[in-house]
Amino acid sequence: MNIVLFDASNREALFPVSTTRPIAEIRVGMFTIVEKWEAIVNHKVSALVPSYLAKKFPAKMESQNTFVNGAVLPTKALFEEIQKLENNQKLVQGNTLVAFVSESVKWNNIEKLSANFDHIELKLELNSIGKTWDIVKNLKSELINDFDLLGDTFTKANVPEYTTAISAENIIVGANVKIGACILNASEGKIVIDDEAEIMDGAIVKGPVYIGKHSTIKMGAKLYGAVSIGPYCKVGGELIETIFQAYSNKGHDGFIGHSYLGEWCNLGANTNISNLKNTYEQVRLWNYTSGSFEKTGMQFLGLIMGDHSKTGINTMLNTGSVIGVACNIYGAGFPRNFIPDFTMGSSRKMELFPLKNVYKMAEVMMKRRNLEFDDIDKNVLLAIIENTKMLRK
């Protein structure tokens, strides 16, 4: 079975997280949605995306393919139902197209193509990410579910004698992990430390927490579960209910809670993000599809930050802030709660962050990780700055 995860037509509701990637490449819990499917089916899967992302995320097509909604959070039970599908059959739940079997299709004709397929109603409970805040809302439950997908990939921790380990049977480590004189408390959820990761002296980690490959938890950091740190990140300060996609840094003190950071982001020293309104009202968050702030039903919600965005030292961000792709925010005061893609400035003045400056910044940052900022990456950002012009009017 060749599985291709498709982005539905409402993918803009997950901007700026999905602006630079397929929905299925979003980290929700320990794994990205792609990685969850690969753990369940035990082989590689690909994604079907708009044309400007197609070279960076190529779809693998065969003569017959099983197309699955990339926003749906997978389970083994769901996979069993999908396996029953035959050619030109579709699995739906209400108005949601969950999966269908067909020959090769294009991203923009999925719903039209599948309109006349045989209709099978899914009776299982379905969970998905339809809005950006669903990524944060589902973090803890998906962390717990993902821990169950680990199998025998990891071993139980043999922590150093100078490390305080509470419920050590729930602490799981990969290869070549460095653990300093810190506190690891897994009494309320597992702590998974992936290959080549490091937890420095004085850090306090309370599960459920996932620390990705080659990531570093800095000295004195405080991680309250649920937290998921993707690969190649550096994290310090205080975190709760937060996801780092990958390759992003918060190297110094400062609080961030109930938030999502994309790739190649950096929070300057003492950046603080509010995750609770003074009035204790539910948080409203910017939605790219509606072009307005929407009620989230959540009392705690901090920051949603797109790839390649940065904050300067002592930056303060209000509850329910959205920062688009490739932004550079600095200065005193609180900037507005929605900052469009490719914007630079402070609460006093915002202006275009020139593409050439974004390219230079990305090239330097990626080189530090021994990666190349190539023409494919450049063309993705070029398409995004063109597509988001109206937001900066």
Protein backbone atom coordinates (compact mmCIF):
# COMPACT_ATOMS: atom_id res chain seq x y z
CA MET A 1 0.00 0.00 0.00
CA ASN A 2 1.44 3.34 -1.07
CA ILE A 3 0.17 6.01 1.33
CA VAL A 4 0.12 9.66 0.26
CA LEU A 5 -0.95 12.23 2.85
CA PHE A 6 -2.84 15.09 1.23
CA ASP A 7 -3.40 18.66 2.36
CA ALA A 8 -7.10 19.51 2.28
CA SER A 9 -8.28 22.77 0.73
CA ASN A 10 -8.52 24.38 4.17
CA ARG A 11 -4.74 24.17 4.77
CA GLU A 12 -4.60 27.96 5.20
CA ALA A 13 -6.36 27.54 8.55
CA LEU A 14 -3.05 26.08 9.77
CA PHE A 15 -0.88 28.97 8.52
CA PRO A 16 1.80 29.98 9.42
CA VAL A 17 2.65 26.45 10.60
CA SER A 18 1.73 24.81 7.27
CA THR A 19 2.91 27.70 5.09
CA THR A 20 6.33 26.08 4.73
CA ARG A 21 5.43 22.38 4.98
CA PRO A 22 2.71 19.79 4.41
CA ILE A 23 0.22 19.56 7.25
CA ALA A 24 1.47 16.03 7.77
CA GLU A 25 4.97 17.31 8.58
CA ILE A 26 3.70 19.22 11.63
CA ARG A 27 4.92 17.88 14.96
CA VAL A 28 1.94 17.03 17.16
CA GLY A 29 3.16 15.20 20.23
CA MET A 30 6.48 13.39 19.99
CA PHE A 31 6.27 12.69 16.26
CA THR A 32 5.23 14.56 13.16
CA ILE A 33 2.07 13.18 11.56
CA VAL A 34 4.20 11.62 8.81
CA GLU A 35 6.34 9.87 11.43
CA LYS A 36 3.24 8.58 13.22
CA TRP A 37 1.98 6.96 10.00
CA GLU A 38 5.41 5.48 9.27
CA ALA A 39 5.54 3.97 12.74
CA ILE A 40 2.11 2.38 12.22
CA VAL A 41 2.55 1.08 8.65
CA ASN A 42 6.28 0.34 8.97
CA HIS A 43 7.31 1.98 5.69
CA LYS A 44 7.87 5.45 4.24
CA VAL A 45 4.95 7.69 3.28
CA SER A 46 4.93 10.93 1.30
CA ALA A 47 2.77 14.05 1.05
CA LEU A 48 0.82 15.78 -1.72
CA VAL A 49 1.19 19.56 -1.49
CA PRO A 50 0.68 22.78 -3.47
CA SER A 51 3.10 23.37 -6.34
CA TYR A 52 5.39 25.80 -4.49
CA LEU A 53 6.23 23.08 -1.93
CA ALA A 54 6.34 20.13 -4.33
CA LYS A 55 10.11 20.12 -4.95
CA LYS A 56 10.90 20.27 -1.25
CA PHE A 57 8.31 17.62 -0.40
CA PRO A 58 7.90 15.37 -3.48
CA ALA A 59 4.98 12.94 -3.52
CA LYS A 60 5.66 9.32 -4.43
CA MET A 61 2.95 7.99 -6.76
CA GLU A 62 2.26 4.44 -7.91
CA SER A 63 -0.40 2.97 -10.22
CA GLN A 64 -2.78 2.80 -7.25
CA ASN A 65 -2.46 4.92 -4.12
CA THR A 66 -4.15 5.34 -0.78
CA PHE A 67 -4.64 9.04 -0.13
CA VAL A 68 -5.10 10.02 3.54
CA ASN A 69 -6.04 13.40 4.98
CA GLY A 70 -2.80 14.76 6.43
CA ALA A 71 -4.60 16.66 9.19
CA VAL A 72 -6.04 13.47 10.70
CA LEU A 73 -4.12 12.15 13.69
CA PRO A 74 -3.47 8.47 12.93
CA THR A 75 -4.27 5.42 15.03
CA LYS A 76 -3.85 1.71 14.38
CA ALA A 77 -7.65 1.32 14.38
CA LEU A 78 -7.98 4.00 11.69
CA PHE A 79 -5.35 2.27 9.57
CA GLU A 80 -7.31 -0.97 9.77
CA GLU A 81 -10.37 0.80 8.36
CA ILE A 82 -8.32 2.45 5.61
CA GLN A 83 -6.89 -0.92 4.58
CA LYS A 84 -10.40 -2.12 3.73
CA LEU A 85 -10.83 0.53 1.01
CA GLU A 86 -10.85 -0.55 -2.63
CA ASN A 87 -10.18 1.49 -5.75
CA ASN A 88 -12.54 4.50 -6.14
CA GLN A 89 -13.85 4.18 -2.60
CA LYS A 90 -13.63 6.95 0.00
CA LEU A 91 -13.81 7.00 3.78
CA VAL A 92 -15.60 10.00 5.25
CA GLN A 93 -16.81 11.29 8.58
CA GLY A 94 -19.43 14.01 8.31
CA ASN A 95 -17.99 16.60 5.93
CA THR A 96 -14.41 15.37 6.38
CA LEU A 97 -12.78 13.35 3.61
CA VAL A 98 -10.58 10.95 5.58
CA ALA A 99 -9.11 8.72 2.87
CA PHE A 100 -9.67 7.33 -0.64
CA VAL A 101 -8.01 4.94 -3.08
CA SER A 102 -7.28 6.09 -6.62
CA GLU A 103 -4.70 6.57 -9.31
CA SER A 104 -2.43 9.60 -9.25
CA VAL A 105 -4.16 12.92 -8.51
CA LYS A 106 -3.17 16.57 -8.29
CA TRP A 107 -3.39 18.54 -5.06
CA ASN A 108 -6.05 20.95 -6.31
CA ASN A 109 -8.49 18.37 -7.72
CA ILE A 110 -8.79 15.94 -4.81
CA GLU A 111 -12.31 16.86 -3.72
CA LYS A 112 -13.60 17.06 -7.29
CA LEU A 113 -12.06 13.71 -8.22
CA SER A 114 -13.39 11.90 -5.15
CA ALA A 115 -16.90 13.42 -5.32
CA ASN A 116 -18.40 10.41 -7.10
CA PHE A 117 -16.48 7.67 -5.31
CA ASP A 118 -18.32 5.05 -3.28
CA HIS A 119 -19.04 6.55 0.12
CA ILE A 120 -18.12 4.69 3.33
CA GLU A 121 -18.89 6.36 6.67
CA LEU A 122 -16.18 6.08 9.34
CA LYS A 123 -17.65 5.12 12.71
CA LEU A 124 -14.45 5.48 14.73
CA GLU A 125 -13.81 8.58 16.83
CA LEU A 126 -11.66 10.88 14.71
CA ASN A 127 -9.15 13.43 15.94
CA SER A 128 -7.50 16.00 13.69
CA ILE A 129 -5.83 19.42 13.59
CA GLY A 130 -8.12 21.87 11.84
CA LYS A 131 -6.77 25.11 13.33
CA THR A 132 -3.35 26.12 14.62
CA TRP A 133 -4.42 25.95 18.25
CA ASP A 134 -5.34 22.27 17.81
CA ILE A 135 -1.60 21.54 17.66
CA VAL A 136 -1.19 22.80 21.22
CA LYS A 137 -4.52 21.39 22.41
CA ASN A 138 -3.57 17.86 21.33
CA LEU A 139 0.02 17.97 22.55
CA LYS A 140 -0.33 16.03 25.80
CA SER A 141 -2.66 13.32 24.52
CA GLU A 142 -0.55 12.79 21.40
CA LEU A 143 2.66 12.61 23.44
CA ILE A 144 1.13 9.79 25.46
CA ASN A 145 -0.11 8.04 22.30
CA ASP A 146 3.28 8.41 20.61
CA PHE A 147 5.13 6.90 23.56
CA ASP A 148 3.09 3.75 22.90
CA LEU A 149 4.38 3.69 19.30
CA LEU A 150 8.02 3.56 20.41
CA GLY A 151 8.13 -0.22 20.73
CA ASP A 152 11.68 -1.44 21.36
CA THR A 153 13.35 1.56 19.73
CA PHE A 154 14.65 2.84 23.06
CA THR A 155 15.88 1.34 26.30
CA LYS A 156 15.12 2.25 29.89
CA ALA A 157 17.49 4.86 31.29
CA ASN A 158 20.62 4.07 33.22
CA VAL A 159 20.98 7.57 34.64
CA PRO A 160 24.17 8.70 36.41
CA GLU A 161 24.25 8.41 40.19
CA TYR A 162 24.52 12.19 40.51
CA THR A 163 21.19 12.64 38.66
CA THR A 164 17.92 12.63 40.59
CA ALA A 165 15.57 10.28 38.75
CA ILE A 166 11.98 9.94 39.97
CA SER A 167 10.04 6.99 38.52
CA ALA A 168 13.17 5.98 36.61
CA GLU A 169 11.25 3.16 34.92
CA ASN A 170 9.46 5.85 32.88
CA ILE A 171 12.68 7.51 31.70
CA ILE A 172 13.74 6.28 28.27
CA VAL A 173 16.93 7.20 26.43
CA GLY A 174 18.47 6.75 23.01
CA ALA A 175 22.12 6.33 22.07
CA ASN A 176 24.96 8.61 23.24
CA VAL A 177 22.77 10.76 25.48
CA LYS A 178 24.48 13.08 27.97
CA ILE A 179 22.71 13.62 31.30
CA GLY A 180 24.15 16.03 33.86
CA ALA A 181 23.39 16.59 37.52
CA CYS A 182 19.72 17.38 36.94
CA ILE A 183 16.26 16.33 38.12
CA LEU A 184 14.16 14.02 35.93
CA ASN A 185 10.65 13.48 37.28
CA ALA A 186 8.67 10.93 35.29
CA SER A 187 6.04 10.26 37.95
CA GLU A 188 3.26 11.90 35.90
CA GLY A 189 4.43 11.01 32.41
CA LYS A 190 7.33 9.48 30.52
CA ILE A 191 10.49 11.35 29.67
CA VAL A 192 12.02 10.30 26.34
CA ILE A 193 15.52 11.56 25.51
CA ASP A 194 16.46 10.80 21.91
CA ASP A 195 19.86 10.00 20.39
CA GLU A 196 22.76 12.42 20.96
CA ALA A 197 20.62 14.75 23.12
CA GLU A 198 21.96 16.45 26.23
CA ILE A 199 20.41 17.62 29.50
CA MET A 200 22.79 19.97 31.31
CA ASP A 201 23.36 20.40 35.04
CA GLY A 202 20.61 21.99 37.09
CA ALA A 203 17.80 21.38 34.61
CA ILE A 204 14.44 20.19 35.98
CA VAL A 205 12.33 18.08 33.62
CA LYS A 206 8.84 16.89 34.58
CA GLY A 207 7.11 14.51 32.17
CA PRO A 208 5.50 13.92 29.83
CA VAL A 209 8.39 15.31 27.79
CA TYR A 210 10.14 14.40 24.55
CA ILE A 211 13.63 15.73 23.80
CA GLY A 212 14.63 15.19 20.17
CA LYS A 213 17.85 14.03 18.58
CA HIS A 214 20.89 16.30 19.08
CA SER A 215 18.85 18.75 21.17
CA THR A 216 20.20 20.42 24.29
CA ILE A 217 18.38 21.40 27.47
CA LYS A 218 20.43 24.22 28.95
CA MET A 219 21.62 24.63 32.55
CA GLY A 220 18.85 25.54 34.96
CA ALA A 221 16.05 25.06 32.45
CA LYS A 222 12.59 24.14 33.79
CA LEU A 223 10.38 21.97 31.62
CA TYR A 224 6.85 21.27 32.81
CA GLY A 225 5.07 18.59 30.78
CA ALA A 226 3.73 18.39 28.27
CA VAL A 227 6.69 19.51 26.15
CA SER A 228 7.96 18.23 22.80
CA ILE A 229 11.34 19.42 21.56
CA GLY A 230 12.19 18.37 18.00
CA PRO A 231 15.72 17.61 16.76
CA TYR A 232 18.63 20.04 16.89
CA CYS A 233 17.09 22.55 19.30
CA LYS A 234 18.57 24.44 22.24
CA VAL A 235 16.18 25.21 25.08
CA GLY A 236 16.61 27.19 28.29
CA GLY A 237 14.35 29.07 30.68
CA GLU A 238 10.84 27.94 31.59
CA LEU A 239 8.53 25.95 29.30
CA ILE A 240 5.10 24.37 29.62
CA GLU A 241 2.79 22.79 27.01
CA THR A 242 5.05 23.83 24.12
CA ILE A 243 6.29 22.31 20.85
CA PHE A 244 9.52 23.11 19.03
CA GLN A 245 9.29 21.74 15.47
CA ALA A 246 13.07 21.43 14.86
CA TYR A 247 16.28 23.48 14.56
CA SER A 248 15.00 26.28 16.80
CA ASN A 249 16.54 27.92 19.84
CA LYS A 250 15.47 29.44 23.11
CA GLY A 251 18.87 29.44 24.69
CA HIS A 252 18.27 31.77 27.63
CA ASP A 253 15.88 32.62 30.45
CA GLY A 254 12.31 33.67 29.77
CA PHE A 255 8.89 32.00 29.85
CA ILE A 256 7.02 30.34 27.00
CA GLY A 257 3.82 28.37 27.49
CA HIS A 258 1.11 26.69 25.39
CA SER A 259 2.96 27.59 22.20
CA TYR A 260 4.35 26.27 18.93
CA LEU A 261 7.63 27.32 17.29
CA GLY A 262 8.51 26.30 13.75
CA GLU A 263 11.96 25.60 12.34
CA TRP A 264 14.92 27.99 12.34
CA CYS A 265 13.35 30.24 14.98
CA ASN A 266 15.28 31.98 17.73
CA LEU A 267 13.94 33.66 20.87
CA GLY A 268 16.32 36.30 22.21
CA ALA A 269 17.37 36.34 25.87
CA ASN A 270 14.53 37.03 28.30
CA THR A 271 11.82 36.81 25.65
CA ASN A 272 8.60 36.27 27.60
CA ILE A 273 5.29 35.07 26.20
CA SER A 274 2.02 35.40 28.07
CA ASN A 275 -0.23 32.33 27.91
CA LEU A 276 -3.10 33.60 30.10
CA LYS A 277 -5.16 36.79 29.81
CA ASN A 278 -5.51 39.02 32.88
CA THR A 279 -9.28 38.63 32.53
CA TYR A 280 -9.05 34.80 32.36
CA GLU A 281 -11.21 34.89 29.22
CA GLN A 282 -10.78 32.39 26.41
CA VAL A 283 -8.02 33.32 23.98
CA ARG A 284 -8.73 34.57 20.46
CA LEU A 285 -6.18 33.78 17.76
CA TRP A 286 -5.61 35.07 14.23
CA ASN A 287 -6.87 32.79 11.46
CA TYR A 288 -5.42 33.24 7.96
CA THR A 289 -8.52 31.80 6.27
CA SER A 290 -11.07 34.13 7.85
CA GLY A 291 -8.67 37.06 8.08
CA SER A 292 -9.78 37.73 11.65
CA PHE A 293 -9.30 36.71 15.26
CA GLU A 294 -11.31 33.64 16.27
CA LYS A 295 -12.30 32.20 19.62
CA THR A 296 -10.24 29.11 20.42
CA GLY A 297 -12.12 27.76 23.43
CA MET A 298 -8.76 27.70 25.26
CA GLN A 299 -7.92 29.65 28.40
CA PHE A 300 -4.17 29.05 28.02
CA LEU A 301 -2.56 29.84 24.66
CA GLY A 302 0.70 31.66 23.97
CA LEU A 303 2.52 31.97 20.64
CA ILE A 304 2.24 30.40 17.20
CA MET A 305 5.45 31.21 15.29
CA GLY A 306 6.26 30.39 11.65
CA ASP A 307 9.64 29.23 10.35
CA HIS A 308 12.68 31.54 10.18
CA SER A 309 11.25 34.06 12.67
CA LYS A 310 13.21 35.70 15.49
CA THR A 311 12.75 37.89 18.58
CA GLY A 312 15.30 40.25 20.10
CA ILE A 313 16.29 40.37 23.77
CA ASN A 314 13.60 41.31 26.30
CA THR A 315 10.82 40.90 23.74
CA MET A 316 7.32 40.70 25.28
CA LEU A 317 4.46 38.96 23.48
CA ASN A 318 0.81 39.01 24.47
CA THR A 319 -1.45 36.02 25.02
CA GLY A 320 -2.57 34.52 21.72
CA SER A 321 0.12 35.94 19.43
CA VAL A 322 0.70 34.78 15.85
CA ILE A 323 3.99 35.59 14.14
CA GLY A 324 4.24 34.62 10.49
CA VAL A 325 7.13 33.20 8.48
CA ALA A 326 10.44 35.10 8.37
CA CYS A 327 9.72 37.88 10.89
CA ASN A 328 12.20 39.81 13.02
CA ILE A 329 10.64 41.33 16.15
CA TYR A 330 12.47 43.50 18.67
CA GLY A 331 12.19 46.58 20.88
CA ALA A 332 10.23 47.63 23.94
CA GLY A 333 6.49 47.30 24.37
CA PHE A 334 4.02 44.66 23.21
CA PRO A 335 3.73 44.25 19.42
CA ARG A 336 0.30 43.49 18.01
CA ASN A 337 -1.11 39.97 18.30
CA PHE A 338 -0.79 39.21 14.59
CA ILE A 339 2.43 39.96 12.73
CA PRO A 340 2.26 39.13 9.00
CA ASP A 341 4.91 37.08 7.24
CA PHE A 342 8.13 38.91 6.28
CA THR A 343 7.67 41.72 8.81
CA MET A 344 10.34 43.37 10.92
CA GLY A 345 10.15 45.97 13.66
CA SER A 346 8.77 46.74 17.10
CA SER A 347 5.52 47.85 18.71
CA ARG A 348 6.21 51.36 17.39
CA LYS A 349 6.80 50.55 13.72
CA MET A 350 6.52 47.49 11.48
CA GLU A 351 7.86 47.23 7.91
CA LEU A 352 8.80 44.70 5.26
CA PHE A 353 11.64 42.35 6.17
CA PRO A 354 13.47 42.29 2.79
CA LEU A 355 13.77 38.90 1.14
CA LYS A 356 17.53 39.30 0.59
CA ASN A 357 17.97 39.81 4.35
CA VAL A 358 15.87 36.73 5.09
CA TYR A 359 18.00 34.70 2.66
CA LYS A 360 21.21 35.87 4.30
CA MET A 361 19.92 35.12 7.80
CA ALA A 362 18.69 31.64 6.81
CA GLU A 363 21.95 30.81 5.03
CA VAL A 364 24.04 31.69 8.09
CA MET A 365 21.79 29.87 10.55
CA MET A 366 21.58 26.69 8.47
CA LYS A 367 25.32 26.67 7.84
CA ARG A 368 25.83 26.55 11.61
CA ARG A 369 24.01 23.19 11.48
CA ASN A 370 26.07 22.03 8.46
CA LEU A 371 23.07 22.38 6.16
CA GLU A 372 22.76 24.26 2.89
CA PHE A 373 20.16 26.92 2.23
CA ASP A 374 19.58 25.96 -1.39
CA ASP A 375 17.52 27.20 -4.33
CA ILE A 376 14.57 25.02 -3.33
CA ASP A 377 14.43 26.74 0.07
CA LYS A 378 14.80 30.15 -1.58
CA ASN A 379 11.96 29.50 -4.01
CA VAL A 380 9.63 28.42 -1.19
CA LEU A 381 10.23 31.70 0.64
CA LEU A 382 9.93 33.65 -2.61
CA ALA A 383 6.49 32.12 -3.22
CA ILE A 384 5.39 32.89 0.34
CA ILE A 385 6.41 36.55 0.25
CA GLU A 386 4.49 36.95 -3.02
CA ASN A 387 1.41 35.12 -1.67
CA THR A 388 1.27 37.21 1.52
CA LYS A 389 1.56 40.71 0.05
CA MET A 390 -2.01 41.64 0.98
CA LEU A 391 -1.38 40.89 4.66
CA ARG A 392 1.26 43.63 4.83
CA LYS A 393 -0.89 46.39 3.31
